């Protein structure tokens, strides 16, 4: 299997590109399937299928959103201080609320 440096080098399908473009939006660190569906105009099933098809470009947050939904981002976004803070904060809140 060839190694691609970025999703732009690999994803040609316009429907799939919509999902990746929504994930790349700098306004968001992580996105839910519902948010991606709303932004792209694609069904949640289509969005989920795209996310599952390209695990080499997508990563799931270890911590869900406040409503318990899975969160996704591009692997190319990497983790930064903001992500570390969000993950740590979510863990602490969850640990102290039980």
Protein backbone atom coordinates (compact mmCIF):
# COMPACT_ATOMS: atom_id res chain seq x y z
CA UNK A 1 0.00 0.00 0.00
CA UNK A 2 1.46 3.39 -0.95
CA UNK A 3 2.23 5.93 1.75
CA UNK A 4 0.57 9.32 1.30
CA UNK A 5 1.76 12.47 2.97
CA UNK A 6 -1.69 14.01 3.23
CA UNK A 7 -5.30 13.28 2.50
CA UNK A 8 -5.18 15.81 -0.37
CA UNK A 9 -2.72 13.51 -2.18
CA UNK A 10 -5.04 10.54 -1.87
CA UNK A 11 -8.72 11.52 -1.70
CA UNK A 12 -10.20 12.32 -5.11
CA UNK A 13 -13.89 11.54 -4.58
CA UNK A 14 -15.77 14.87 -4.16
CA UNK A 15 -18.09 13.43 -1.50
CA UNK A 16 -15.18 12.14 0.57
CA UNK A 17 -13.30 15.42 0.10
CA UNK A 18 -16.23 17.30 1.69
CA UNK A 19 -15.74 15.33 4.91
CA UNK A 20 -11.99 15.99 4.94
CA UNK A 21 -12.46 19.68 4.19
CA UNK A 22 -14.89 19.92 7.12
CA UNK A 23 -12.37 18.14 9.38
CA UNK A 24 -9.69 20.56 8.25
CA UNK A 25 -11.72 23.61 9.29
CA UNK A 26 -9.45 25.54 11.69
CA UNK A 27 -12.44 26.60 13.77
CA UNK A 28 -12.65 23.10 15.23
CA UNK A 29 -10.10 20.81 16.85
CA UNK A 30 -12.43 17.80 16.83
CA UNK A 31 -15.76 17.13 15.12
CA UNK A 32 -18.71 14.85 15.75
CA UNK A 33 -20.32 12.83 12.99
CA UNK A 34 -23.41 14.97 13.47
CA UNK A 35 -21.43 18.20 13.02
CA UNK A 36 -19.69 16.86 9.94
CA UNK A 37 -23.01 15.76 8.52
CA UNK A 38 -24.50 19.20 9.04
CA UNK A 39 -21.50 21.01 7.50
CA UNK A 40 -21.22 18.76 4.47
CA UNK A 41 -24.90 18.10 3.79
CA UNK A 42 -24.12 14.38 3.79
CA UNK A 43 -25.96 11.76 5.81
CA UNK A 44 -24.43 10.59 9.09
CA UNK A 45 -24.02 7.12 7.56
CA UNK A 46 -22.01 8.51 4.64
CA UNK A 47 -19.81 10.57 6.98
CA UNK A 48 -19.22 7.57 9.23
CA UNK A 49 -18.33 5.45 6.21
CA UNK A 50 -15.73 7.97 5.06
CA UNK A 51 -14.21 8.18 8.54
CA UNK A 52 -13.98 4.39 8.73
CA UNK A 53 -12.58 4.06 5.21
CA UNK A 54 -9.50 6.21 5.89
CA UNK A 55 -8.08 5.38 9.33
CA UNK A 56 -4.63 6.46 8.15
CA UNK A 57 -5.85 10.08 7.98
CA UNK A 58 -8.37 10.15 10.85
CA UNK A 59 -8.02 9.80 14.58
CA UNK A 60 -10.65 9.59 17.25
CA UNK A 61 -10.39 11.50 20.49
CA UNK A 62 -9.89 9.33 23.56
CA UNK A 63 -12.52 11.50 25.27
CA UNK A 64 -16.05 11.92 23.88
CA UNK A 65 -17.90 15.22 23.76
CA UNK A 66 -20.11 16.23 26.74
CA UNK A 67 -23.01 14.31 25.19
CA UNK A 68 -20.94 11.12 24.89
CA UNK A 69 -20.47 11.32 21.11
CA UNK A 70 -17.22 10.29 19.45
CA UNK A 71 -14.99 13.11 18.24
CA UNK A 72 -12.75 12.96 15.17
CA UNK A 73 -9.90 14.99 13.69
CA UNK A 74 -7.23 14.66 11.04
CA UNK A 75 -4.03 12.89 12.03
CA UNK A 76 -2.18 15.77 10.39
CA UNK A 77 -3.56 18.20 12.98
CA UNK A 78 -1.54 16.41 15.63
CA UNK A 79 -1.99 17.00 19.31
CA UNK A 80 -1.07 20.25 20.93
CA UNK A 81 -1.32 21.93 24.26
CA UNK A 82 -4.95 22.83 23.65
CA UNK A 83 -5.84 19.20 22.96
CA UNK A 84 -3.89 18.02 26.00
CA UNK A 85 -5.73 20.55 28.17
CA UNK A 86 -9.14 19.52 26.80
CA UNK A 87 -8.43 15.83 27.32
CA UNK A 88 -7.09 16.36 30.83
CA UNK A 89 -10.00 18.61 31.77
CA UNK A 90 -12.56 16.09 30.49
CA UNK A 91 -10.84 13.29 32.39
CA UNK A 92 -10.76 15.26 35.64
CA UNK A 93 -14.39 16.32 35.34
CA UNK A 94 -15.47 12.78 34.61
CA UNK A 95 -13.38 11.40 37.50
CA UNK A 96 -14.70 13.86 40.05
CA UNK A 97 -18.35 13.64 39.02
CA UNK A 98 -18.75 9.96 39.95
